[in-house]
C-alpha atoms as a PDB file:
ATOM      1  CA  MET A   1       0.040   0.113   0.044  1.00  0.00           C
ATOM      2  CA  ASN A   2       1.500   3.329  -1.539  1.00  0.00           C
ATOM      3  CA  ILE A   3      -0.494   6.156  -0.329  1.00  0.00           C
ATOM      4  CA  LYS A   4       0.349   9.525  -2.429  1.00  0.00           C
ATOM      5  CA  GLU A   5      -2.645  11.593  -0.802  1.00  0.00           C
ATOM      6  CA  LEU A   6      -4.197  11.463   3.039  1.00  0.00           C
ATOM      7  CA  THR A   7      -7.849  10.923   2.057  1.00  0.00           C
ATOM      8  CA  HIS A   8     -10.847   9.561   4.123  1.00  0.00           C
ATOM      9  CA  PRO A   9     -10.910   6.342   2.709  1.00  0.00           C
ATOM     10  CA  THR A  10      -6.817   6.239   3.066  1.00  0.00           C
ATOM     11  CA  VAL A  11      -6.728   7.294   6.543  1.00  0.00           C
ATOM     12  CA  LYS A  12      -9.634   4.971   7.294  1.00  0.00           C
ATOM     13  CA  GLN A  13      -7.530   1.953   5.391  1.00  0.00           C
ATOM     14  CA  LEU A  14      -4.536   3.201   7.056  1.00  0.00           C
ATOM     15  CA  ARG A  15      -6.222   3.195  10.550  1.00  0.00           C
ATOM     16  CA  GLN A  16      -7.328  -0.527  10.368  1.00  0.00           C
ATOM     17  CA  LYS A  17      -3.838  -1.071   9.473  1.00  0.00           C
ATOM     18  CA  ILE A  18      -2.150   0.485  12.375  1.00  0.00           C
ATOM     19  CA  GLN A  19      -4.945  -1.139  15.108  1.00  0.00           C
ATOM     20  CA  GLU A  20      -3.733  -4.490  13.177  1.00  0.00           C
ATOM     21  CA  SER A  21       0.273  -4.055  14.158  1.00  0.00           C
ATOM     22  CA  LEU A  22      -0.746  -3.026  17.677  1.00  0.00           C
ATOM     23  CA  ASP A  23      -3.119  -5.572  17.877  1.00  0.00           C
ATOM     24  CA  SER A  24      -0.455  -8.107  17.442  1.00  0.00           C
ATOM     25  CA  ILE A  25       2.319  -6.153  19.291  1.00  0.00           C
ATOM     26  CA  GLY A  26      -0.277  -6.160  22.326  1.00  0.00           C
ATOM     27  CA  LYS A  27      -0.596  -9.874  22.508  1.00  0.00           C
ATOM     28  CA  GLU A  28       3.319 -10.421  22.533  1.00  0.00           C
ATOM     29  CA  ILE A  29       3.426  -8.053  25.082  1.00  0.00           C
ATOM     30  CA  GLY A  30       0.421  -7.735  27.363  1.00  0.00           C
ATOM     31  CA  ILE A  31      -0.851  -4.340  26.439  1.00  0.00           C
ATOM     32  CA  SER A  32      -4.841  -3.277  24.911  1.00  0.00           C
ATOM     33  CA  PHE A  33      -3.803  -0.853  22.492  1.00  0.00           C
ATOM     34  CA  ASP A  34      -6.647   2.225  21.113  1.00  0.00           C
ATOM     35  CA  LEU A  35      -6.415   4.244  18.189  1.00  0.00           C
ATOM     36  CA  GLY A  36      -8.389   7.311  19.201  1.00  0.00           C
ATOM     37  CA  SER A  37      -9.239  10.303  16.598  1.00  0.00           C
ATOM     38  CA  MET A  38      -7.114  10.548  13.881  1.00  0.00           C
ATOM     39  CA  ARG A  39      -7.128  14.204  12.032  1.00  0.00           C
ATOM     40  CA  PHE A  40      -5.326  14.968   8.904  1.00  0.00           C
ATOM     41  CA  ARG A  41      -4.181  16.984   6.145  1.00  0.00           C
ATOM     42  CA  PRO A  42      -3.253  15.702   2.650  1.00  0.00           C
ATOM     43  CA  ASN A  43       0.233  14.926   3.624  1.00  0.00           C
ATOM     44  CA  SER A  44       0.604  14.709   7.340  1.00  0.00           C
ATOM     45  CA  GLY A  45      -1.698  13.853  10.595  1.00  0.00           C
ATOM     46  CA  THR A  46      -2.202  12.920  14.135  1.00  0.00           C
ATOM     47  CA  VAL A  47      -3.311  10.028  15.953  1.00  0.00           C
ATOM     48  CA  LYS A  48      -4.409   9.805  19.740  1.00  0.00           C
ATOM     49  CA  LEU A  49      -3.455   6.156  21.172  1.00  0.00           C
ATOM     50  CA  SER A  50      -4.573   4.747  24.755  1.00  0.00           C
ATOM     51  CA  PHE A  51      -2.466   1.614  26.292  1.00  0.00           C
ATOM     52  CA  THR A  52      -3.955  -0.518  29.394  1.00  0.00           C
ATOM     53  CA  LEU A  53      -2.407  -3.597  30.712  1.00  0.00           C
ATOM     54  CA  SER A  54      -4.521  -6.574  29.844  1.00  0.00           C
ATOM     55  CA  LYS A  55      -4.838 -10.131  31.221  1.00  0.00           C
ATOM     56  CA  ASP A  56      -5.340 -13.296  29.180  1.00  0.00           C
ATOM     57  CA  GLY A  57      -6.059 -10.536  25.871  1.00  0.00           C
ATOM     58  CA  ILE A  58      -8.913  -8.082  27.999  1.00  0.00           C
ATOM     59  CA  PRO A  59      -7.933  -5.032  28.903  1.00  0.00           C
ATOM     60  CA  ILE A  60      -8.595  -4.303  32.632  1.00  0.00           C
ATOM     61  CA  ASN A  61     -10.879  -2.260  32.968  1.00  0.00           C
ATOM     62  CA  LYS A  62      -9.966   1.431  35.203  1.00  0.00           C
ATOM     63  CA  LEU A  63     -13.668   1.621  37.064  1.00  0.00           C
ATOM     64  CA  GLU A  64     -13.062  -1.736  38.379  1.00  0.00           C
ATOM     65  CA  GLN A  65      -9.310  -1.500  39.231  1.00  0.00           C
ATOM     66  CA  ASP A  66     -10.040   1.984  40.979  1.00  0.00           C
ATOM     67  CA  PHE A  67     -12.807   0.003  43.370  1.00  0.00           C
ATOM     68  CA  LYS A  68     -10.410  -2.263  44.522  1.00  0.00           C
ATOM     69  CA  ASP A  69      -8.123   0.281  45.088  1.00  0.00           C
ATOM     70  CA  TYR A  70     -10.810   2.316  47.652  1.00  0.00           C
ATOM     71  CA  PHE A  71     -12.994   0.124  48.451  1.00  0.00           C
ATOM     72  CA  LEU A  72     -11.418  -0.363  52.093  1.00  0.00           C
ATOM     73  CA  LYS A  73     -12.447   3.947  52.059  1.00  0.00           C
ATOM     74  CA  HIS A  74     -16.310   2.856  51.833  1.00  0.00           C
ATOM     75  CA  GLY A  75     -16.469  -0.404  53.868  1.00  0.00           C
ATOM     76  CA  ILE A  76     -17.774  -2.091  51.029  1.00  0.00           C
ATOM     77  CA  PRO A  77     -16.425  -5.580  50.594  1.00  0.00           C
ATOM     78  CA  LEU A  78     -14.178  -6.573  47.463  1.00  0.00           C
ATOM     79  CA  GLU A  79     -15.865  -9.545  47.149  1.00  0.00           C
ATOM     80  CA  TYR A  80     -18.961  -7.657  46.324  1.00  0.00           C
ATOM     81  CA  LEU A  81     -17.455  -6.200  42.570  1.00  0.00           C
ATOM     82  CA  GLY A  82     -19.612  -7.806  40.174  1.00  0.00           C
ATOM     83  CA  LYS A  83     -22.206  -9.163  42.363  1.00  0.00           C
ATOM     84  CA  PRO A  84     -25.756  -8.190  41.945  1.00  0.00           C
ATOM     85  CA  PHE A  85     -28.250  -5.359  44.068  1.00  0.00           C
ATOM     86  CA  LYS A  86     -31.500  -3.654  44.058  1.00  0.00           C
ATOM     87  CA  THR A  87     -32.176  -0.537  43.686  1.00  0.00           C
ATOM     88  CA  PHE A  88     -35.069   1.727  45.494  1.00  0.00           C
ATOM     89  CA  SER A  89     -37.236   1.037  42.531  1.00  0.00           C
ATOM     90  CA  GLY A  90     -36.209  -3.006  42.332  1.00  0.00           C
ATOM     91  CA  ASN A  91     -34.242  -2.725  39.353  1.00  0.00           C
ATOM     92  CA  GLN A  92     -31.275  -5.155  39.687  1.00  0.00           C
ATOM     93  CA  MET A  93     -28.052  -3.316  39.083  1.00  0.00           C
ATOM     94  CA  THR A  94     -24.490  -4.777  39.071  1.00  0.00           C
ATOM     95  CA  LEU A  95     -21.446  -3.595  41.092  1.00  0.00           C
ATOM     96  CA  ILE A  96     -19.196  -2.369  38.573  1.00  0.00           C
ATOM     97  CA  GLY A  97     -16.952  -0.199  39.451  1.00  0.00           C
ATOM     98  CA  TYR A  98     -16.052   3.213  41.338  1.00  0.00           C
ATOM     99  CA  ARG A  99     -14.822   6.667  40.301  1.00  0.00           C
ATOM    100  CA  PRO A 100     -12.665   8.183  42.643  1.00  0.00           C
ATOM    101  CA  ARG A 101     -12.814  12.037  41.612  1.00  0.00           C
ATOM    102  CA  ALA A 102     -17.139  11.464  42.160  1.00  0.00           C
ATOM    103  CA  THR A 103     -17.473  12.650  45.212  1.00  0.00           C
ATOM    104  CA  LYS A 104     -21.565  12.312  45.611  1.00  0.00           C
ATOM    105  CA  LEU A 105     -21.921   9.500  43.358  1.00  0.00           C
ATOM    106  CA  PRO A 106     -19.068   7.520  43.112  1.00  0.00           C
ATOM    107  CA  PHE A 107     -19.961   3.841  42.197  1.00  0.00           C
ATOM    108  CA  VAL A 108     -21.114   2.346  39.409  1.00  0.00           C
ATOM    109  CA  GLY A 109     -23.731  -0.259  38.733  1.00  0.00           C
ATOM    110  CA  ARG A 110     -25.132  -2.057  35.121  1.00  0.00           C
ATOM    111  CA  ASN A 111     -28.093  -2.966  34.474  1.00  0.00           C
ATOM    112  CA  SER A 112     -29.203  -6.121  32.478  1.00  0.00           C
ATOM    113  CA  GLN A 113     -29.329  -4.025  29.053  1.00  0.00           C
ATOM    114  CA  GLY A 114     -25.498  -2.703  29.553  1.00  0.00           C
ATOM    115  CA  THR A 115     -26.561   0.750  30.709  1.00  0.00           C
ATOM    116  CA  GLU A 116     -24.796   2.419  33.662  1.00  0.00           C
ATOM    117  CA  TYR A 117     -25.672   3.954  36.355  1.00  0.00           C
ATOM    118  CA  ILE A 118     -24.367   5.674  39.350  1.00  0.00           C
ATOM    119  CA  PHE A 119     -24.644   5.493  42.748  1.00  0.00           C
ATOM    120  CA  GLY A 120     -23.921   6.996  46.497  1.00  0.00           C
ATOM    121  CA  ARG A 121     -22.227   4.613  48.882  1.00  0.00           C
ATOM    122  CA  ASP A 122     -25.874   4.511  50.789  1.00  0.00           C
ATOM    123  CA  GLN A 123     -27.333   3.889  47.905  1.00  0.00           C
ATOM    124  CA  ILE A 124     -25.208   0.674  47.434  1.00  0.00           C
ATOM    125  CA  ILE A 125     -25.265  -0.702  51.063  1.00  0.00           C
ATOM    126  CA  ASN A 126     -28.891  -0.073  50.864  1.00  0.00           C
ATOM    127  CA  GLY A 127     -29.013  -1.908  47.328  1.00  0.00           C
ATOM    128  CA  PHE A 128     -27.406  -5.157  48.716  1.00  0.00           C
ATOM    129  CA  LYS A 129     -29.423  -4.926  52.054  1.00  0.00           C
ATOM    130  CA  ARG A 130     -32.214  -5.333  50.096  1.00  0.00           C
ATOM    131  CA  ASN A 131     -31.242  -8.200  47.921  1.00  0.00           C
ATOM    132  CA  GLY A 132     -30.443  -9.970  51.468  1.00  0.00           C
ATOM    133  CA  ASN A 133     -26.948  -9.371  51.985  1.00  0.00           C
ATOM    134  CA  PRO A 134     -26.477  -9.927  55.578  1.00  0.00           C
ATOM    135  CA  ILE A 135     -23.008  -7.918  55.932  1.00  0.00           C
ATOM    136  CA  PHE A 136     -24.607  -4.831  56.047  1.00  0.00           C
ATOM    137  CA  GLU A 137     -27.215  -5.253  58.363  1.00  0.00           C
ATOM    138  CA  ASP A 138     -25.143  -3.160  60.948  1.00  0.00           C
ATOM    139  CA  VAL A 139     -23.962  -0.976  58.690  1.00  0.00           C
ATOM    140  CA  GLN A 140     -24.845   2.429  59.522  1.00  0.00           C
ATOM    141  CA  PRO A 141     -25.088   5.432  56.666  1.00  0.00           C
ATOM    142  CA  LYS A 142     -22.669   8.315  57.094  1.00  0.00           C
ATOM    143  CA  MET A 143     -23.812  11.509  57.692  1.00  0.00           C
END
């Protein structure tokens, strides 16, 4: 493939080739690469590249890793990551992670359709109580 000028179709082809190359390199070294936005002019261009460590070819989720780093701060056991809880309205959610920069609603849950929602500490604790998890029976909401 010899490119003489950068156009939308050629950049699209170039993106596919770059992603294929990065995927093969990533499998070798255990890193998952993601090409972000590409900007170009007729003779030059730039690309945003992000990468994360991967485990068995699956990128490590930032929300999940942040939960593992901060779970002690809120008194929610690590084993509850990925476990179901019920919202006030009775919807079933799964706890999928934590957002450390969010002060009011730092927890993230996902419903069965894959939609993500944010929750506060007390909402999570009460949701696990509603789901019949006895570990939270004596936990009081923070004031």
